[in-house]
């Protein structure tokens, strides 16, 4: 699923403590920095959103499971 990461989205992330990156997922192995199910992680990593364009898209992984 894709959601525009505009001002409203950024405010909701702050207000509700939304988590959606690999680093917050139960299936992400911190040691190997890989998904336990073998999914690519490049577009879901926290660094992409910290350093990306402010109005870029957020790409949600369909297998995300909050730690």
Protein backbone atom coordinates (compact mmCIF):
# COMPACT_ATOMS: atom_id res chain seq x y z
CA UNK A 1 0.00 0.00 0.00
CA UNK A 2 1.23 3.50 -0.81
CA UNK A 3 0.34 6.68 1.08
CA UNK A 4 1.54 10.19 0.30
CA UNK A 5 3.87 11.36 3.06
CA UNK A 6 2.62 14.92 3.28
CA UNK A 7 2.25 17.30 6.21
CA UNK A 8 -0.90 15.57 7.53
CA UNK A 9 0.81 12.17 7.51
CA UNK A 10 3.89 13.50 9.31
CA UNK A 11 1.65 15.06 11.98
CA UNK A 12 -0.18 11.76 12.48
CA UNK A 13 3.13 9.90 12.84
CA UNK A 14 4.10 12.29 15.64
CA UNK A 15 0.67 12.40 17.29
CA UNK A 16 -0.04 8.66 17.28
CA UNK A 17 3.49 7.23 17.30
CA UNK A 18 2.88 5.37 14.03
CA UNK A 19 5.51 2.80 13.15
CA UNK A 20 5.83 1.28 9.69
CA UNK A 21 9.53 0.66 8.95
CA UNK A 22 11.40 -2.63 8.85
CA UNK A 23 13.21 -1.76 12.06
CA UNK A 24 9.84 -1.86 13.88
CA UNK A 25 8.75 -5.17 12.33
CA UNK A 26 8.88 -8.53 14.11
CA UNK A 27 10.11 -10.19 10.90
CA UNK A 28 13.15 -7.92 10.51
CA UNK A 29 16.46 -9.42 11.67
CA UNK A 30 18.57 -6.60 13.10
CA UNK A 31 21.81 -8.58 12.85
CA UNK A 32 21.55 -9.42 9.15
CA UNK A 33 19.39 -6.37 8.31
CA UNK A 34 17.11 -8.63 6.28
CA UNK A 35 13.49 -9.67 6.31
CA UNK A 36 12.92 -13.15 7.73
CA UNK A 37 10.52 -13.80 4.85
CA UNK A 38 12.99 -12.66 2.21
CA UNK A 39 11.16 -9.50 1.16
CA UNK A 40 13.26 -6.58 -0.09
CA UNK A 41 13.73 -3.93 2.59
CA UNK A 42 15.25 -0.94 0.78
CA UNK A 43 11.97 0.95 0.36
CA UNK A 44 10.77 0.25 3.91
CA UNK A 45 13.82 1.21 5.97
CA UNK A 46 13.75 4.12 8.42
CA UNK A 47 16.72 5.89 6.78
CA UNK A 48 14.71 6.27 3.56
CA UNK A 49 12.09 8.30 5.40
CA UNK A 50 14.50 10.28 7.56
CA UNK A 51 16.52 11.46 4.56
CA UNK A 52 13.99 11.28 1.73
CA UNK A 53 11.85 13.92 0.13
CA UNK A 54 9.18 15.22 2.54
CA UNK A 55 6.30 14.62 0.10
CA UNK A 56 7.49 11.21 -1.08
CA UNK A 57 5.37 8.06 -0.79
CA UNK A 58 5.27 5.78 2.25
CA UNK A 59 5.34 2.17 1.13
CA UNK A 60 3.75 -0.20 3.61
CA UNK A 61 4.79 -3.85 3.65
CA UNK A 62 1.81 -6.19 3.64
CA UNK A 63 3.59 -8.54 6.08
CA UNK A 64 4.48 -5.85 8.63
CA UNK A 65 4.00 -7.11 12.19
CA UNK A 66 4.69 -4.65 15.00
CA UNK A 67 7.35 -5.81 17.48
